[in-house]
Amino acid sequence: MSMKDISPRGFLITCILKSLKNGPKHGYELIKSIKEETGWGPSPGAIYPTLHNLKERGLIEEKKDDRRISYKLTIKGKEMTEKIEENMKEMKNKFHNFISIMGQIIGLKESELKKIREIHYNKEGKGFIFLPKDIKISLFKTRDLISKIAKDEKKHKNLKNVIDELYLKLKKLDGE
């Protein structure tokens, strides 16, 4: 399974635009910057066609220096980046709401919910910490199934019990 299989559509575009917000970069600098930010480094075979696409869409422009090509945001690219950041804030708020709702279902205290939020966001609040691929896939599958089951109020008590059991097993695994 590749990153393409588990990443939301437009993930690489978002990463490139956010990276270029901090100033012009050439392809290798972008790969390095994205890896530092996300834990995943796109291949040159992914980055360069995406850069070409962004240039065609008028979101970036290129400047040739000696042997390298540097890329920078256009005005349209800066506007798009601002919209993306607004959407990311909204997604973060929705995630926090989801955690709060799940916490209410299983009876967690606010202090425990705060710890959960901190685990999922890095210290700078920049975004999700990138876990190993297999664990992330399992988390997403579990989240989706919990959301589906939670729609049926008759199953809330059983769902809460299952989540409580999982929580206790994870605490035991953690050595608490």
C-alpha atoms as a PDB file:
ATOM      1  CA  MET A   1       0.000   0.000   0.000  1.00  0.00           C
ATOM      2  CA  SER A   2       1.422   3.390  -0.960  1.00  0.00           C
ATOM      3  CA  MET A   3       0.959   6.816   0.616  1.00  0.00           C
ATOM      4  CA  LYS A   4      -1.335   7.561  -2.340  1.00  0.00           C
ATOM      5  CA  ASP A   5      -3.695   4.829  -1.116  1.00  0.00           C
ATOM      6  CA  ILE A   6      -4.182   6.350   2.345  1.00  0.00           C
ATOM      7  CA  SER A   7      -3.720  10.088   1.753  1.00  0.00           C
ATOM      8  CA  PRO A   8      -6.631  12.368   1.066  1.00  0.00           C
ATOM      9  CA  ARG A   9      -6.745  13.683  -2.468  1.00  0.00           C
ATOM     10  CA  GLY A  10      -4.686  16.843  -2.754  1.00  0.00           C
ATOM     11  CA  PHE A  11      -2.385  16.038   0.172  1.00  0.00           C
ATOM     12  CA  LEU A  12       0.799  16.619  -1.821  1.00  0.00           C
ATOM     13  CA  ILE A  13      -0.594  19.818  -3.337  1.00  0.00           C
ATOM     14  CA  THR A  14      -1.405  21.099   0.149  1.00  0.00           C
ATOM     15  CA  CYS A  15       2.073  20.211   1.417  1.00  0.00           C
ATOM     16  CA  ILE A  16       3.769  21.960  -1.500  1.00  0.00           C
ATOM     17  CA  LEU A  17       1.701  25.124  -1.174  1.00  0.00           C
ATOM     18  CA  LYS A  18       2.230  25.292   2.599  1.00  0.00           C
ATOM     19  CA  SER A  19       5.970  24.773   2.156  1.00  0.00           C
ATOM     20  CA  LEU A  20       6.218  27.486  -0.506  1.00  0.00           C
ATOM     21  CA  LYS A  21       4.362  29.883   1.791  1.00  0.00           C
ATOM     22  CA  ASN A  22       7.668  30.135   3.687  1.00  0.00           C
ATOM     23  CA  GLY A  23       9.530  31.173   0.545  1.00  0.00           C
ATOM     24  CA  PRO A  24      10.808  29.826  -2.780  1.00  0.00           C
ATOM     25  CA  LYS A  25      12.278  26.314  -2.913  1.00  0.00           C
ATOM     26  CA  HIS A  26      13.611  23.927  -5.513  1.00  0.00           C
ATOM     27  CA  GLY A  27      12.295  20.369  -5.837  1.00  0.00           C
ATOM     28  CA  TYR A  28      14.700  18.682  -3.448  1.00  0.00           C
ATOM     29  CA  GLU A  29      14.130  21.393  -0.812  1.00  0.00           C
ATOM     30  CA  LEU A  30      10.387  20.797  -1.125  1.00  0.00           C
ATOM     31  CA  ILE A  31      10.810  17.037  -0.633  1.00  0.00           C
ATOM     32  CA  LYS A  32      12.987  17.680   2.433  1.00  0.00           C
ATOM     33  CA  SER A  33      10.590  20.309   3.841  1.00  0.00           C
ATOM     34  CA  ILE A  34       7.542  18.067   3.396  1.00  0.00           C
ATOM     35  CA  LYS A  35       9.336  15.165   5.069  1.00  0.00           C
ATOM     36  CA  GLU A  36      10.272  17.375   8.044  1.00  0.00           C
ATOM     37  CA  GLU A  37       6.682  18.600   8.365  1.00  0.00           C
ATOM     38  CA  THR A  38       4.802  15.350   7.818  1.00  0.00           C
ATOM     39  CA  GLY A  39       7.194  12.455   8.285  1.00  0.00           C
ATOM     40  CA  TRP A  40       6.602  11.433   4.659  1.00  0.00           C
ATOM     41  CA  GLY A  41       8.903  12.385   1.816  1.00  0.00           C
ATOM     42  CA  PRO A  42       7.316  12.363  -1.629  1.00  0.00           C
ATOM     43  CA  SER A  43       9.373  10.886  -4.441  1.00  0.00           C
ATOM     44  CA  PRO A  44      10.686  13.034  -7.302  1.00  0.00           C
ATOM     45  CA  GLY A  45       8.251  11.090  -9.506  1.00  0.00           C
ATOM     46  CA  ALA A  46       5.383  12.526  -7.452  1.00  0.00           C
ATOM     47  CA  ILE A  47       6.699  16.013  -6.740  1.00  0.00           C
ATOM     48  CA  TYR A  48       7.683  17.170 -10.227  1.00  0.00           C
ATOM     49  CA  PRO A  49       4.423  16.299 -12.040  1.00  0.00           C
ATOM     50  CA  THR A  50       2.540  17.983  -9.183  1.00  0.00           C
ATOM     51  CA  LEU A  51       4.709  21.094  -9.503  1.00  0.00           C
ATOM     52  CA  HIS A  52       3.997  21.121 -13.245  1.00  0.00           C
ATOM     53  CA  ASN A  53       0.262  20.856 -12.521  1.00  0.00           C
ATOM     54  CA  LEU A  54       0.420  23.710  -9.989  1.00  0.00           C
ATOM     55  CA  LYS A  55       2.283  25.864 -12.523  1.00  0.00           C
ATOM     56  CA  GLU A  56      -0.328  25.102 -15.204  1.00  0.00           C
ATOM     57  CA  ARG A  57      -3.069  26.127 -12.748  1.00  0.00           C
ATOM     58  CA  GLY A  58      -1.322  29.439 -12.057  1.00  0.00           C
ATOM     59  CA  LEU A  59      -0.664  28.680  -8.380  1.00  0.00           C
ATOM     60  CA  ILE A  60       3.134  28.715  -8.609  1.00  0.00           C
ATOM     61  CA  GLU A  61       5.785  30.092 -10.903  1.00  0.00           C
ATOM     62  CA  GLU A  62       9.300  28.920 -11.541  1.00  0.00           C
ATOM     63  CA  LYS A  63      12.638  30.666 -11.751  1.00  0.00           C
ATOM     64  CA  LYS A  64      15.670  29.017 -13.331  1.00  0.00           C
ATOM     65  CA  ASP A  65      18.986  29.445 -11.487  1.00  0.00           C
ATOM     66  CA  ASP A  66      22.093  27.828 -12.989  1.00  0.00           C
ATOM     67  CA  ARG A  67      21.143  24.129 -12.878  1.00  0.00           C
ATOM     68  CA  ARG A  68      18.085  24.308 -10.605  1.00  0.00           C
ATOM     69  CA  ILE A  69      14.534  25.527 -10.863  1.00  0.00           C
ATOM     70  CA  SER A  70      13.054  27.312  -7.851  1.00  0.00           C
ATOM     71  CA  TYR A  71       9.317  27.510  -7.293  1.00  0.00           C
ATOM     72  CA  LYS A  72       7.336  30.232  -5.562  1.00  0.00           C
ATOM     73  CA  LEU A  73       3.694  31.011  -4.926  1.00  0.00           C
ATOM     74  CA  THR A  74       1.788  33.358  -7.193  1.00  0.00           C
ATOM     75  CA  ILE A  75      -0.879  35.677  -5.767  1.00  0.00           C
ATOM     76  CA  LYS A  76      -3.450  33.038  -6.738  1.00  0.00           C
ATOM     77  CA  GLY A  77      -1.312  30.422  -4.959  1.00  0.00           C
ATOM     78  CA  LYS A  78      -1.136  32.534  -1.801  1.00  0.00           C
ATOM     79  CA  GLU A  79      -4.925  32.928  -1.818  1.00  0.00           C
ATOM     80  CA  MET A  80      -5.354  29.171  -2.269  1.00  0.00           C
ATOM     81  CA  THR A  81      -2.940  28.498   0.605  1.00  0.00           C
ATOM     82  CA  GLU A  82      -4.958  30.791   2.890  1.00  0.00           C
ATOM     83  CA  LYS A  83      -8.161  28.912   1.980  1.00  0.00           C
ATOM     84  CA  ILE A  84      -6.447  25.582   2.684  1.00  0.00           C
ATOM     85  CA  GLU A  85      -5.285  26.816   6.093  1.00  0.00           C
ATOM     86  CA  GLU A  86      -8.830  27.958   6.935  1.00  0.00           C
ATOM     87  CA  ASN A  87     -10.149  24.516   5.965  1.00  0.00           C
ATOM     88  CA  MET A  88      -7.463  22.827   8.078  1.00  0.00           C
ATOM     89  CA  LYS A  89      -8.507  24.886  11.115  1.00  0.00           C
ATOM     90  CA  GLU A  90     -12.096  23.817  10.523  1.00  0.00           C
ATOM     91  CA  MET A  91     -11.015  20.163  10.251  1.00  0.00           C
ATOM     92  CA  LYS A  92      -9.045  20.480  13.487  1.00  0.00           C
ATOM     93  CA  ASN A  93     -12.139  21.863  15.231  1.00  0.00           C
ATOM     94  CA  LYS A  94     -14.241  18.996  13.880  1.00  0.00           C
ATOM     95  CA  PHE A  95     -11.645  16.523  15.103  1.00  0.00           C
ATOM     96  CA  HIS A  96     -11.714  18.095  18.576  1.00  0.00           C
ATOM     97  CA  ASN A  97     -15.521  17.887  18.559  1.00  0.00           C
ATOM     98  CA  PHE A  98     -15.325  14.222  17.550  1.00  0.00           C
ATOM     99  CA  ILE A  99     -12.905  13.522  20.420  1.00  0.00           C
ATOM    100  CA  SER A 100     -15.228  15.348  22.840  1.00  0.00           C
ATOM    101  CA  ILE A 101     -18.256  13.369  21.715  1.00  0.00           C
ATOM    102  CA  MET A 102     -16.374  10.080  21.947  1.00  0.00           C
ATOM    103  CA  GLY A 103     -15.130  11.099  25.389  1.00  0.00           C
ATOM    104  CA  GLN A 104     -18.689  11.748  26.543  1.00  0.00           C
ATOM    105  CA  ILE A 105     -19.792   8.360  25.234  1.00  0.00           C
ATOM    106  CA  ILE A 106     -17.073   6.556  27.173  1.00  0.00           C
ATOM    107  CA  GLY A 107     -17.138   8.897  30.176  1.00  0.00           C
ATOM    108  CA  LEU A 108     -13.702  10.527  29.957  1.00  0.00           C
ATOM    109  CA  LYS A 109     -12.836  13.598  31.998  1.00  0.00           C
ATOM    110  CA  GLU A 110     -11.775  16.814  30.253  1.00  0.00           C
ATOM    111  CA  SER A 111      -8.185  16.287  31.439  1.00  0.00           C
ATOM    112  CA  GLU A 112      -8.128  12.877  29.710  1.00  0.00           C
ATOM    113  CA  LEU A 113      -9.587  14.398  26.543  1.00  0.00           C
ATOM    114  CA  LYS A 114      -6.856  17.053  26.590  1.00  0.00           C
ATOM    115  CA  LYS A 115      -4.203  14.318  26.698  1.00  0.00           C
ATOM    116  CA  ILE A 116      -5.823  12.583  23.716  1.00  0.00           C
ATOM    117  CA  ARG A 117      -5.835  15.829  21.725  1.00  0.00           C
ATOM    118  CA  GLU A 118      -2.174  16.433  22.572  1.00  0.00           C
ATOM    119  CA  ILE A 119      -1.250  12.943  21.389  1.00  0.00           C
ATOM    120  CA  HIS A 120      -2.817  13.585  17.982  1.00  0.00           C
ATOM    121  CA  TYR A 121      -1.280  17.016  17.466  1.00  0.00           C
ATOM    122  CA  ASN A 122       2.375  17.901  17.651  1.00  0.00           C
ATOM    123  CA  LYS A 123       3.688  20.468  20.131  1.00  0.00           C
ATOM    124  CA  GLU A 124       3.474  23.324  17.650  1.00  0.00           C
ATOM    125  CA  GLY A 125      -0.160  22.458  16.820  1.00  0.00           C
ATOM    126  CA  LYS A 126       0.792  22.106  13.153  1.00  0.00           C
ATOM    127  CA  GLY A 127      -1.102  18.918  12.461  1.00  0.00           C
ATOM    128  CA  PHE A 128      -1.367  15.216  12.960  1.00  0.00           C
ATOM    129  CA  ILE A 129       1.705  13.373  14.084  1.00  0.00           C
ATOM    130  CA  PHE A 130       2.376  10.801  11.401  1.00  0.00           C
ATOM    131  CA  LEU A 131       2.190   7.340  12.870  1.00  0.00           C
ATOM    132  CA  PRO A 132       3.393   4.184  11.137  1.00  0.00           C
ATOM    133  CA  LYS A 133       1.182   3.502   8.123  1.00  0.00           C
ATOM    134  CA  ASP A 134      -0.346   0.264   9.434  1.00  0.00           C
ATOM    135  CA  ILE A 135      -1.327   1.866  12.760  1.00  0.00           C
ATOM    136  CA  LYS A 136      -2.811   4.912  11.038  1.00  0.00           C
ATOM    137  CA  ILE A 137      -4.893   2.704   8.741  1.00  0.00           C
ATOM    138  CA  SER A 138      -6.160   0.748  11.747  1.00  0.00           C
ATOM    139  CA  LEU A 139      -7.038   3.989  13.556  1.00  0.00           C
ATOM    140  CA  PHE A 140      -8.984   5.318  10.580  1.00  0.00           C
ATOM    141  CA  LYS A 141     -10.878   2.041  10.155  1.00  0.00           C
ATOM    142  CA  THR A 142     -11.693   1.991  13.866  1.00  0.00           C
ATOM    143  CA  ARG A 143     -12.790   5.631  13.864  1.00  0.00           C
ATOM    144  CA  ASP A 144     -15.081   5.063  10.886  1.00  0.00           C
ATOM    145  CA  LEU A 145     -16.630   1.962  12.432  1.00  0.00           C
ATOM    146  CA  ILE A 146     -17.168   3.709  15.782  1.00  0.00           C
ATOM    147  CA  SER A 147     -18.859   6.620  13.988  1.00  0.00           C
ATOM    148  CA  LYS A 148     -21.121   4.206  12.113  1.00  0.00           C
ATOM    149  CA  ILE A 149     -22.085   2.242  15.241  1.00  0.00           C
ATOM    150  CA  ALA A 150     -22.596   5.421  17.308  1.00  0.00           C
ATOM    151  CA  LYS A 151     -25.449   6.455  15.007  1.00  0.00           C
ATOM    152  CA  ASP A 152     -27.548   3.652  16.516  1.00  0.00           C
ATOM    153  CA  GLU A 153     -28.476   4.791  20.050  1.00  0.00           C
ATOM    154  CA  LYS A 154     -29.402   1.211  21.002  1.00  0.00           C
ATOM    155  CA  LYS A 155     -25.741   0.263  20.584  1.00  0.00           C
ATOM    156  CA  HIS A 156     -24.252   3.131  22.650  1.00  0.00           C
ATOM    157  CA  LYS A 157     -23.891   1.136  25.883  1.00  0.00           C
ATOM    158  CA  ASN A 158     -22.199  -1.811  24.146  1.00  0.00           C
ATOM    159  CA  LEU A 159     -19.995   0.565  22.140  1.00  0.00           C
ATOM    160  CA  LYS A 160     -18.965   2.356  25.320  1.00  0.00           C
ATOM    161  CA  ASN A 161     -18.062  -0.985  26.930  1.00  0.00           C
ATOM    162  CA  VAL A 162     -15.957  -2.029  23.925  1.00  0.00           C
ATOM    163  CA  ILE A 163     -14.133   1.321  23.878  1.00  0.00           C
ATOM    164  CA  ASP A 164     -13.575   1.135  27.657  1.00  0.00           C
ATOM    165  CA  GLU A 165     -12.102  -2.353  27.264  1.00  0.00           C
ATOM    166  CA  LEU A 166      -9.833  -1.132  24.477  1.00  0.00           C
ATOM    167  CA  TYR A 167      -8.737   1.830  26.598  1.00  0.00           C
ATOM    168  CA  LEU A 168      -7.841  -0.462  29.514  1.00  0.00           C
ATOM    169  CA  LYS A 169      -5.900  -2.795  27.211  1.00  0.00           C
ATOM    170  CA  LEU A 170      -3.981   0.155  25.766  1.00  0.00           C
ATOM    171  CA  LYS A 171      -3.193   1.471  29.259  1.00  0.00           C
ATOM    172  CA  LYS A 172      -1.918  -1.990  30.167  1.00  0.00           C
ATOM    173  CA  LEU A 173       0.182  -2.083  26.998  1.00  0.00           C
ATOM    174  CA  ASP A 174       1.571   1.348  27.911  1.00  0.00           C
ATOM    175  CA  GLY A 175       2.566   0.016  31.330  1.00  0.00           C
ATOM    176  CA  GLU A 176       0.188   2.127  33.446  1.00  0.00           C
END
